Amino acid sequence: MLIQSPGTDDYIDQWEAFTASAEVSPILGYMFSDAEYQTESAAITNVINQYLPTLSNGACESEEATNAYIDEFVNALEAAGINDVIAGNQEQLDAYLAAK
């Protein structure tokens, strides 16, 4: 195998040692089911679609306006039910971990 700079001759050995020492996350394999949260998920998606373009493009006029817009975004997410979805996700994760 060709090792390009700044790689060293023992790069592969180092990589294999690093990989072998990695810990497997206890939540590996967990997947949240949002079946009970379809209404909230749709509302959250709508909120994100409304606010994200402005935030992504830095289109607010000032730092203060940006902070106010972020506060408005968070409030809209909460009104859409994001805290219920987070709580439901945590419940499912706790059950997944308890079953392991």
PDB file of N, CA and C in Angstrom:
ATOM      1  N   MET A   1       0.845  -1.177   0.000  1.00  0.00           N
ATOM      2  CA  MET A   1       0.000   0.000   0.000  1.00  0.00           C
ATOM      3  C   MET A   1       0.887   1.235   0.000  1.00  0.00           C
ATOM      4  N   LEU A   2       0.562   2.187  -0.839  1.00  0.00           N
ATOM      5  CA  LEU A   2       1.314   3.428  -0.928  1.00  0.00           C
ATOM      6  C   LEU A   2       0.841   4.381   0.163  1.00  0.00           C
ATOM      7  N   ILE A   3       1.757   4.820   1.004  1.00  0.00           N
ATOM      8  CA  ILE A   3       1.448   5.776   2.063  1.00  0.00           C
ATOM      9  C   ILE A   3       1.922   7.146   1.610  1.00  0.00           C
ATOM     10  N   GLN A   4       1.015   8.105   1.563  1.00  0.00           N
ATOM     11  CA  GLN A   4       1.385   9.450   1.144  1.00  0.00           C
ATOM     12  C   GLN A   4       1.765  10.285   2.347  1.00  0.00           C
ATOM     13  N   SER A   5       2.599  11.267   2.112  1.00  0.00           N
ATOM     14  CA  SER A   5       3.042  12.185   3.159  1.00  0.00           C
ATOM     15  C   SER A   5       1.815  12.869   3.745  1.00  0.00           C
ATOM     16  N   PRO A   6       1.704  13.092   5.007  1.00  0.00           N
ATOM     17  CA  PRO A   6       2.698  12.889   6.067  1.00  0.00           C
ATOM     18  C   PRO A   6       2.606  11.519   6.723  1.00  0.00           C
ATOM     19  N   GLY A   7       2.028  10.540   6.058  1.00  0.00           N
ATOM     20  CA  GLY A   7       1.937   9.200   6.612  1.00  0.00           C
ATOM     21  C   GLY A   7       3.314   8.607   6.868  1.00  0.00           C
ATOM     22  N   THR A   8       3.372   7.692   7.794  1.00  0.00           N
ATOM     23  CA  THR A   8       4.637   7.039   8.125  1.00  0.00           C
ATOM     24  C   THR A   8       4.553   5.567   7.745  1.00  0.00           C
ATOM     25  N   ASP A   9       5.689   4.901   7.785  1.00  0.00           N
ATOM     26  CA  ASP A   9       5.719   3.482   7.433  1.00  0.00           C
ATOM     27  C   ASP A   9       4.837   2.646   8.351  1.00  0.00           C
ATOM     28  N   ASP A  10       4.691   3.084   9.591  1.00  0.00           N
ATOM     29  CA  ASP A  10       3.884   2.303  10.534  1.00  0.00           C
ATOM     30  C   ASP A  10       2.451   2.834  10.670  1.00  0.00           C
ATOM     31  N   TYR A  11       2.034   3.601   9.689  1.00  0.00           N
ATOM     32  CA  TYR A  11       0.687   4.178   9.713  1.00  0.00           C
ATOM     33  C   TYR A  11      -0.388   3.097   9.842  1.00  0.00           C
ATOM     34  N   ILE A  12      -0.278   2.042   9.053  1.00  0.00           N
ATOM     35  CA  ILE A  12      -1.286   0.982   9.074  1.00  0.00           C
ATOM     36  C   ILE A  12      -1.332   0.334  10.455  1.00  0.00           C
ATOM     37  N   ASP A  13      -0.166   0.063  11.034  1.00  0.00           N
ATOM     38  CA  ASP A  13      -0.119  -0.532  12.376  1.00  0.00           C
ATOM     39  C   ASP A  13      -0.762   0.393  13.401  1.00  0.00           C
ATOM     40  N   GLN A  14      -0.472   1.694  13.287  1.00  0.00           N
ATOM     41  CA  GLN A  14      -1.068   2.662  14.214  1.00  0.00           C
ATOM     42  C   GLN A  14      -2.583   2.698  14.043  1.00  0.00           C
ATOM     43  N   TRP A  15      -3.037   2.690  12.799  1.00  0.00           N
ATOM     44  CA  TRP A  15      -4.472   2.735  12.530  1.00  0.00           C
ATOM     45  C   TRP A  15      -5.172   1.495  13.078  1.00  0.00           C
ATOM     46  N   GLU A  16      -4.587   0.340  12.858  1.00  0.00           N
ATOM     47  CA  GLU A  16      -5.183  -0.895  13.358  1.00  0.00           C
ATOM     48  C   GLU A  16      -5.223  -0.916  14.886  1.00  0.00           C
ATOM     49  N   ALA A  17      -4.172  -0.415  15.535  1.00  0.00           N
ATOM     50  CA  ALA A  17      -4.154  -0.351  17.000  1.00  0.00           C
ATOM     51  C   ALA A  17      -5.221   0.616  17.500  1.00  0.00           C
ATOM     52  N   PHE A  18      -5.338   1.746  16.820  1.00  0.00           N
ATOM     53  CA  PHE A  18      -6.350   2.734  17.194  1.00  0.00           C
ATOM     54  C   PHE A  18      -7.753   2.136  17.059  1.00  0.00           C
ATOM     55  N   THR A  19      -8.009   1.486  15.947  1.00  0.00           N
ATOM     56  CA  THR A  19      -9.316   0.885  15.700  1.00  0.00           C
ATOM     57  C   THR A  19      -9.624  -0.213  16.715  1.00  0.00           C
ATOM     58  N   ALA A  20      -8.632  -1.026  17.026  1.00  0.00           N
ATOM     59  CA  ALA A  20      -8.839  -2.117  17.983  1.00  0.00           C
ATOM     60  C   ALA A  20      -9.128  -1.607  19.388  1.00  0.00           C
ATOM     61  N   SER A  21      -8.632  -0.413  19.707  1.00  0.00           N
ATOM     62  CA  SER A  21      -8.829   0.132  21.052  1.00  0.00           C
ATOM     63  C   SER A  21     -10.128   0.935  21.189  1.00  0.00           C
ATOM     64  N   ALA A  22     -10.836   1.128  20.083  1.00  0.00           N
ATOM     65  CA  ALA A  22     -12.064   1.925  20.118  1.00  0.00           C
ATOM     66  C   ALA A  22     -13.146   1.208  20.920  1.00  0.00           C
ATOM     67  N   GLU A  23     -13.878   1.976  21.713  1.00  0.00           N
ATOM     68  CA  GLU A  23     -14.991   1.418  22.479  1.00  0.00           C
ATOM     69  C   GLU A  23     -16.263   1.468  21.638  1.00  0.00           C
ATOM     70  N   VAL A  24     -17.044   0.433  21.721  1.00  0.00           N
ATOM     71  CA  VAL A  24     -18.317   0.390  21.005  1.00  0.00           C
ATOM     72  C   VAL A  24     -19.352   1.137  21.837  1.00  0.00           C
ATOM     73  N   SER A  25     -20.029   2.071  21.201  1.00  0.00           N
ATOM     74  CA  SER A  25     -21.055   2.845  21.889  1.00  0.00           C
ATOM     75  C   SER A  25     -22.205   1.942  22.318  1.00  0.00           C
ATOM     76  N   PRO A  26     -22.715   2.132  23.534  1.00  0.00           N
ATOM     77  CA  PRO A  26     -23.844   1.311  23.987  1.00  0.00           C
ATOM     78  C   PRO A  26     -25.130   1.583  23.207  1.00  0.00           C
ATOM     79  N   ILE A  27     -25.187   2.683  22.481  1.00  0.00           N
ATOM     80  CA  ILE A  27     -26.403   2.971  21.715  1.00  0.00           C
ATOM     81  C   ILE A  27     -26.273   2.567  20.248  1.00  0.00           C
ATOM     82  N   LEU A  28     -25.171   1.875  19.906  1.00  0.00           N
ATOM     83  CA  LEU A  28     -25.014   1.375  18.549  1.00  0.00           C
ATOM     84  C   LEU A  28     -26.178   0.434  18.232  1.00  0.00           C
ATOM     85  N   GLY A  29     -26.881   0.709  17.157  1.00  0.00           N
ATOM     86  CA  GLY A  29     -28.025  -0.103  16.765  1.00  0.00           C
ATOM     87  C   GLY A  29     -29.361   0.500  17.170  1.00  0.00           C
ATOM     88  N   TYR A  30     -29.349   1.519  18.033  1.00  0.00           N
ATOM     89  CA  TYR A  30     -30.601   2.161  18.450  1.00  0.00           C
ATOM     90  C   TYR A  30     -31.151   2.997  17.306  1.00  0.00           C
ATOM     91  N   MET A  31     -32.459   2.961  17.155  1.00  0.00           N
ATOM     92  CA  MET A  31     -33.114   3.787  16.152  1.00  0.00           C
ATOM     93  C   MET A  31     -34.428   4.304  16.717  1.00  0.00           C
ATOM     94  N   PHE A  32     -34.579   5.612  16.732  1.00  0.00           N
ATOM     95  CA  PHE A  32     -35.791   6.245  17.237  1.00  0.00           C
ATOM     96  C   PHE A  32     -36.942   5.999  16.269  1.00  0.00           C
ATOM     97  N   SER A  33     -38.079   5.605  16.804  1.00  0.00           N
ATOM     98  CA  SER A  33     -39.296   5.464  16.013  1.00  0.00           C
ATOM     99  C   SER A  33     -40.184   6.669  16.297  1.00  0.00           C
ATOM    100  N   ASP A  34     -40.403   7.470  15.266  1.00  0.00           N
ATOM    101  CA  ASP A  34     -41.236   8.659  15.450  1.00  0.00           C
ATOM    102  C   ASP A  34     -42.694   8.406  15.061  1.00  0.00           C
ATOM    103  N   ALA A  35     -43.088   7.139  15.010  1.00  0.00           N
ATOM    104  CA  ALA A  35     -44.453   6.789  14.601  1.00  0.00           C
ATOM    105  C   ALA A  35     -45.510   7.487  15.452  1.00  0.00           C
ATOM    106  N   GLU A  36     -45.239   7.654  16.733  1.00  0.00           N
ATOM    107  CA  GLU A  36     -46.196   8.311  17.629  1.00  0.00           C
ATOM    108  C   GLU A  36     -46.125   9.833  17.539  1.00  0.00           C
ATOM    109  N   TYR A  37     -45.176  10.346  16.778  1.00  0.00           N
ATOM    110  CA  TYR A  37     -44.914  11.783  16.758  1.00  0.00           C
ATOM    111  C   TYR A  37     -44.983  12.356  15.344  1.00  0.00           C
ATOM    112  N   GLN A  38     -45.818  11.780  14.501  1.00  0.00           N
ATOM    113  CA  GLN A  38     -45.905  12.230  13.115  1.00  0.00           C
ATOM    114  C   GLN A  38     -46.347  13.692  13.008  1.00  0.00           C
ATOM    115  N   THR A  39     -47.322  14.080  13.812  1.00  0.00           N
ATOM    116  CA  THR A  39     -47.803  15.463  13.777  1.00  0.00           C
ATOM    117  C   THR A  39     -46.704  16.418  14.204  1.00  0.00           C
ATOM    118  N   GLU A  40     -46.035  16.089  15.316  1.00  0.00           N
ATOM    119  CA  GLU A  40     -44.952  16.930  15.811  1.00  0.00           C
ATOM    120  C   GLU A  40     -43.794  16.973  14.818  1.00  0.00           C
ATOM    121  N   SER A  41     -43.459  15.827  14.240  1.00  0.00           N
ATOM    122  CA  SER A  41     -42.352  15.776  13.279  1.00  0.00           C
ATOM    123  C   SER A  41     -42.629  16.658  12.069  1.00  0.00           C
ATOM    124  N   ALA A  42     -43.852  16.625  11.583  1.00  0.00           N
ATOM    125  CA  ALA A  42     -44.217  17.471  10.445  1.00  0.00           C
ATOM    126  C   ALA A  42     -44.145  18.945  10.823  1.00  0.00           C
ATOM    127  N   ALA A  43     -44.640  19.281  12.004  1.00  0.00           N
ATOM    128  CA  ALA A  43     -44.603  20.677  12.454  1.00  0.00           C
ATOM    129  C   ALA A  43     -43.164  21.149  12.653  1.00  0.00           C
ATOM    130  N   ILE A  44     -42.319  20.298  13.214  1.00  0.00           N
ATOM    131  CA  ILE A  44     -40.908  20.644  13.426  1.00  0.00           C
ATOM    132  C   ILE A  44     -40.211  20.856  12.085  1.00  0.00           C
ATOM    133  N   THR A  45     -40.491  19.988  11.127  1.00  0.00           N
ATOM    134  CA  THR A  45     -39.906  20.138   9.792  1.00  0.00           C
ATOM    135  C   THR A  45     -40.313  21.464   9.171  1.00  0.00           C
ATOM    136  N   ASN A  46     -41.578  21.839   9.322  1.00  0.00           N
ATOM    137  CA  ASN A  46     -42.047  23.120   8.788  1.00  0.00           C
ATOM    138  C   ASN A  46     -41.329  24.293   9.441  1.00  0.00           C
ATOM    139  N   VAL A  47     -41.131  24.216  10.748  1.00  0.00           N
ATOM    140  CA  VAL A  47     -40.426  25.289  11.462  1.00  0.00           C
ATOM    141  C   VAL A  47     -38.988  25.386  10.963  1.00  0.00           C
ATOM    142  N   ILE A  48     -38.323  24.255  10.851  1.00  0.00           N
ATOM    143  CA  ILE A  48     -36.934  24.255  10.373  1.00  0.00           C
ATOM    144  C   ILE A  48     -36.864  24.833   8.965  1.00  0.00           C
ATOM    145  N   ASN A  49     -37.769  24.417   8.096  1.00  0.00           N
ATOM    146  CA  ASN A  49     -37.779  24.936   6.725  1.00  0.00           C
ATOM    147  C   ASN A  49     -38.030  26.437   6.685  1.00  0.00           C
ATOM    148  N   GLN A  50     -38.767  26.949   7.653  1.00  0.00           N
ATOM    149  CA  GLN A  50     -39.045  28.380   7.707  1.00  0.00           C
ATOM    150  C   GLN A  50     -37.832  29.175   8.179  1.00  0.00           C
ATOM    151  N   TYR A  51     -37.145  28.695   9.216  1.00  0.00           N
ATOM    152  CA  TYR A  51     -36.097  29.487   9.852  1.00  0.00           C
ATOM    153  C   TYR A  51     -34.684  29.208   9.339  1.00  0.00           C
ATOM    154  N   LEU A  52     -34.423  28.001   8.892  1.00  0.00           N
ATOM    155  CA  LEU A  52     -33.057  27.619   8.548  1.00  0.00           C
ATOM    156  C   LEU A  52     -32.432  28.427   7.410  1.00  0.00           C
ATOM    157  N   PRO A  53     -33.154  28.732   6.343  1.00  0.00           N
ATOM    158  CA  PRO A  53     -32.506  29.506   5.274  1.00  0.00           C
ATOM    159  C   PRO A  53     -31.931  30.840   5.756  1.00  0.00           C
ATOM    160  N   THR A  54     -32.673  31.555   6.555  1.00  0.00           N
ATOM    161  CA  THR A  54     -32.185  32.840   7.070  1.00  0.00           C
ATOM    162  C   THR A  54     -30.979  32.637   7.969  1.00  0.00           C
ATOM    163  N   LEU A  55     -31.042  31.638   8.842  1.00  0.00           N
ATOM    164  CA  LEU A  55     -29.925  31.380   9.745  1.00  0.00           C
ATOM    165  C   LEU A  55     -28.705  30.870   8.991  1.00  0.00           C
ATOM    166  N   SER A  56     -28.900  30.008   8.018  1.00  0.00           N
ATOM    167  CA  SER A  56     -27.784  29.444   7.253  1.00  0.00           C
ATOM    168  C   SER A  56     -27.064  30.496   6.422  1.00  0.00           C
ATOM    169  N   ASN A  57     -27.808  31.459   5.946  1.00  0.00           N
ATOM    170  CA  ASN A  57     -27.229  32.489   5.089  1.00  0.00           C
ATOM    171  C   ASN A  57     -26.762  33.720   5.849  1.00  0.00           C
ATOM    172  N   GLY A  58     -26.974  33.738   7.156  1.00  0.00           N
ATOM    173  CA  GLY A  58     -26.576  34.908   7.935  1.00  0.00           C
ATOM    174  C   GLY A  58     -27.313  36.157   7.489  1.00  0.00           C
ATOM    175  N   ALA A  59     -28.588  36.010   7.182  1.00  0.00           N
ATOM    176  CA  ALA A  59     -29.350  37.098   6.583  1.00  0.00           C
ATOM    177  C   ALA A  59     -29.946  38.080   7.584  1.00  0.00           C
ATOM    178  N   CYS A  60     -29.715  37.880   8.871  1.00  0.00           N
ATOM    179  CA  CYS A  60     -30.204  38.846   9.851  1.00  0.00           C
ATOM    180  C   CYS A  60     -29.312  40.084   9.805  1.00  0.00           C
ATOM    181  N   GLU A  61     -29.876  41.221  10.169  1.00  0.00           N
ATOM    182  CA  GLU A  61     -29.180  42.495  10.007  1.00  0.00           C
ATOM    183  C   GLU A  61     -28.063  42.732  11.008  1.00  0.00           C
ATOM    184  N   SER A  62     -28.150  42.115  12.176  1.00  0.00           N
ATOM    185  CA  SER A  62     -27.153  42.372  13.219  1.00  0.00           C
ATOM    186  C   SER A  62     -27.069  41.164  14.144  1.00  0.00           C
ATOM    187  N   GLU A  63     -26.107  41.207  15.043  1.00  0.00           N
ATOM    188  CA  GLU A  63     -25.982  40.130  16.028  1.00  0.00           C
ATOM    189  C   GLU A  63     -27.218  40.070  16.911  1.00  0.00           C
ATOM    190  N   GLU A  64     -27.727  41.228  17.287  1.00  0.00           N
ATOM    191  CA  GLU A  64     -28.927  41.273  18.121  1.00  0.00           C
ATOM    192  C   GLU A  64     -30.129  40.689  17.383  1.00  0.00           C
ATOM    193  N   ALA A  65     -30.247  41.029  16.103  1.00  0.00           N
ATOM    194  CA  ALA A  65     -31.350  40.495  15.301  1.00  0.00           C
ATOM    195  C   ALA A  65     -31.216  38.978  15.142  1.00  0.00           C
ATOM    196  N   THR A  66     -29.984  38.512  14.982  1.00  0.00           N
ATOM    197  CA  THR A  66     -29.742  37.073  14.872  1.00  0.00           C
ATOM    198  C   THR A  66     -30.144  36.367  16.152  1.00  0.00           C
ATOM    199  N   ASN A  67     -29.728  36.919  17.285  1.00  0.00           N
ATOM    200  CA  ASN A  67     -30.081  36.317  18.576  1.00  0.00           C
ATOM    201  C   ASN A  67     -31.591  36.293  18.785  1.00  0.00           C
ATOM    202  N   ALA A  68     -32.264  37.370  18.411  1.00  0.00           N
ATOM    203  CA  ALA A  68     -33.723  37.418  18.532  1.00  0.00           C
ATOM    204  C   ALA A  68     -34.372  36.388  17.605  1.00  0.00           C
ATOM    205  N   TYR A  69     -33.816  36.231  16.405  1.00  0.00           N
ATOM    206  CA  TYR A  69     -34.348  35.265  15.442  1.00  0.00           C
ATOM    207  C   TYR A  69     -34.155  33.841  15.945  1.00  0.00           C
ATOM    208  N   ILE A  70     -33.005  33.573  16.554  1.00  0.00           N
ATOM    209  CA  ILE A  70     -32.752  32.249  17.135  1.00  0.00           C
ATOM    210  C   ILE A  70     -33.733  31.976  18.268  1.00  0.00           C
ATOM    211  N   ASP A  71     -33.968  32.974  19.116  1.00  0.00           N
ATOM    212  CA  ASP A  71     -34.952  32.809  20.193  1.00  0.00           C
ATOM    213  C   ASP A  71     -36.338  32.494  19.624  1.00  0.00           C
ATOM    214  N   GLU A  72     -36.705  33.202  18.561  1.00  0.00           N
ATOM    215  CA  GLU A  72     -37.991  32.967  17.902  1.00  0.00           C
ATOM    216  C   GLU A  72     -38.043  31.542  17.329  1.00  0.00           C
ATOM    217  N   PHE A  73     -36.935  31.108  16.735  1.00  0.00           N
ATOM    218  CA  PHE A  73     -36.817  29.758  16.176  1.00  0.00           C
ATOM    219  C   PHE A  73     -37.005  28.701  17.263  1.00  0.00           C
ATOM    220  N   VAL A  74     -36.318  28.868  18.380  1.00  0.00           N
ATOM    221  CA  VAL A  74     -36.423  27.918  19.495  1.00  0.00           C
ATOM    222  C   VAL A  74     -37.853  27.883  20.025  1.00  0.00           C
ATOM    223  N   ASN A  75     -38.462  29.043  20.183  1.00  0.00           N
ATOM    224  CA  ASN A  75     -39.850  29.100  20.657  1.00  0.00           C
ATOM    225  C   ASN A  75     -40.795  28.392  19.682  1.00  0.00           C
ATOM    226  N   ALA A  76     -40.555  28.572  18.385  1.00  0.00           N
ATOM    227  CA  ALA A  76     -41.394  27.910  17.382  1.00  0.00           C
ATOM    228  C   ALA A  76     -41.201  26.392  17.425  1.00  0.00           C
ATOM    229  N   LEU A  77     -39.954  25.949  17.624  1.00  0.00           N
ATOM    230  CA  LEU A  77     -39.700  24.508  17.763  1.00  0.00           C
ATOM    231  C   LEU A  77     -40.424  23.941  18.979  1.00  0.00           C
ATOM    232  N   GLU A  78     -40.372  24.669  20.079  1.00  0.00           N
ATOM    233  CA  GLU A  78     -41.058  24.215  21.294  1.00  0.00           C
ATOM    234  C   GLU A  78     -42.565  24.166  21.079  1.00  0.00           C
ATOM    235  N   ALA A  79     -43.106  25.170  20.401  1.00  0.00           N
ATOM    236  CA  ALA A  79     -44.544  25.183  20.115  1.00  0.00           C
ATOM    237  C   ALA A  79     -44.932  24.032  19.184  1.00  0.00           C
ATOM    238  N   ALA A  80     -44.003  23.618  18.331  1.00  0.00           N
ATOM    239  CA  ALA A  80     -44.263  22.516  17.401  1.00  0.00           C
ATOM    240  C   ALA A  80     -44.178  21.151  18.079  1.00  0.00           C
ATOM    241  N   GLY A  81     -43.657  21.114  19.303  1.00  0.00           N
ATOM    242  CA  GLY A  81     -43.621  19.862  20.050  1.00  0.00           C
ATOM    243  C   GLY A  81     -42.271  19.186  20.139  1.00  0.00           C
ATOM    244  N   ILE A  82     -41.197  19.931  19.917  1.00  0.00           N
ATOM    245  CA  ILE A  82     -39.878  19.291  19.929  1.00  0.00           C
ATOM    246  C   ILE A  82     -39.535  18.678  21.281  1.00  0.00           C
ATOM    247  N   ASN A  83     -39.989  19.292  22.362  1.00  0.00           N
ATOM    248  CA  ASN A  83     -39.680  18.731  23.684  1.00  0.00           C
ATOM    249  C   ASN A  83     -40.376  17.385  23.904  1.00  0.00           C
ATOM    250  N   ASP A  84     -41.567  17.227  23.337  1.00  0.00           N
ATOM    251  CA  ASP A  84     -42.262  15.935  23.421  1.00  0.00           C
ATOM    252  C   ASP A  84     -41.508  14.861  22.637  1.00  0.00           C
ATOM    253  N   VAL A  85     -40.995  15.241  21.474  1.00  0.00           N
ATOM    254  CA  VAL A  85     -40.240  14.294  20.653  1.00  0.00           C
ATOM    255  C   VAL A  85     -38.943  13.904  21.357  1.00  0.00           C
ATOM    256  N   ILE A  86     -38.262  14.879  21.943  1.00  0.00           N
ATOM    257  CA  ILE A  86     -37.025  14.594  22.683  1.00  0.00           C
ATOM    258  C   ILE A  86     -37.314  13.658  23.849  1.00  0.00           C
ATOM    259  N   ALA A  87     -38.385  13.926  24.585  1.00  0.00           N
ATOM    260  CA  ALA A  87     -38.745  13.069  25.725  1.00  0.00           C
ATOM    261  C   ALA A  87     -39.089  11.654  25.252  1.00  0.00           C
ATOM    262  N   GLY A  88     -39.813  11.551  24.142  1.00  0.00           N
ATOM    263  CA  GLY A  88     -40.147  10.243  23.593  1.00  0.00           C
ATOM    264  C   GLY A  88     -38.912   9.484  23.143  1.00  0.00           C
ATOM    265  N   ASN A  89     -37.984  10.203  22.545  1.00  0.00           N
ATOM    266  CA  ASN A  89     -36.726   9.589  22.126  1.00  0.00           C
ATOM    267  C   ASN A  89     -35.964   9.071  23.341  1.00  0.00           C
ATOM    268  N   GLN A  90     -35.922   9.864  24.401  1.00  0.00           N
ATOM    269  CA  GLN A  90     -35.217   9.449  25.613  1.00  0.00           C
ATOM    270  C   GLN A  90     -35.865   8.210  26.221  1.00  0.00           C
ATOM    271  N   GLU A  91     -37.197   8.164  26.238  1.00  0.00           N
ATOM    272  CA  GLU A  91     -37.904   6.983  26.762  1.00  0.00           C
ATOM    273  C   GLU A  91     -37.545   5.734  25.967  1.00  0.00           C
ATOM    274  N   GLN A  92     -37.551   5.863  24.649  1.00  0.00           N
ATOM    275  CA  GLN A  92     -37.211   4.716  23.805  1.00  0.00           C
ATOM    276  C   GLN A  92     -35.756   4.295  24.003  1.00  0.00           C
ATOM    277  N   LEU A  93     -34.862   5.266  24.123  1.00  0.00           N
ATOM    278  CA  LEU A  93     -33.452   4.952  24.344  1.00  0.00           C
ATOM    279  C   LEU A  93     -33.254   4.258  25.682  1.00  0.00           C
ATOM    280  N   ASP A  94     -33.914   4.754  26.718  1.00  0.00           N
ATOM    281  CA  ASP A  94     -33.811   4.121  28.037  1.00  0.00           C
ATOM    282  C   ASP A  94     -34.294   2.671  27.981  1.00  0.00           C
ATOM    283  N   ALA A  95     -35.399   2.434  27.276  1.00  0.00           N
ATOM    284  CA  ALA A  95     -35.927   1.072  27.145  1.00  0.00           C
ATOM    285  C   ALA A  95     -34.959   0.192  26.355  1.00  0.00           C
ATOM    286  N   TYR A  96     -34.355   0.748  25.322  1.00  0.00           N
ATOM    287  CA  TYR A  96     -33.375   0.005  24.519  1.00  0.00           C
ATOM    288  C   TYR A  96     -32.182  -0.404  25.374  1.00  0.00           C
ATOM    289  N   LEU A  97     -31.671   0.537  26.157  1.00  0.00           N
ATOM    290  CA  LEU A  97     -30.510   0.241  27.003  1.00  0.00           C
ATOM    291  C   LEU A  97     -30.860  -0.758  28.102  1.00  0.00           C
ATOM    292  N   ALA A  98     -32.067  -0.653  28.653  1.00  0.00           N
ATOM    293  CA  ALA A  98     -32.493  -1.573  29.712  1.00  0.00           C
ATOM    294  C   ALA A  98     -32.637  -3.000  29.185  1.00  0.00           C
ATOM    295  N   ALA A  99     -32.982  -3.126  27.915  1.00  0.00           N
ATOM    296  CA  ALA A  99     -33.182  -4.448  27.325  1.00  0.00           C
ATOM    297  C   ALA A  99     -31.874  -5.125  26.913  1.00  0.00           C
ATOM    298  N   LYS A 100     -30.787  -4.383  26.936  1.00  0.00           N
ATOM    299  CA  LYS A 100     -29.492  -4.962  26.507  1.00  0.00           C
ATOM    300  C   LYS A 100     -28.922  -5.860  27.565  1.00  0.00           C
TER     301      LYS A 100
END
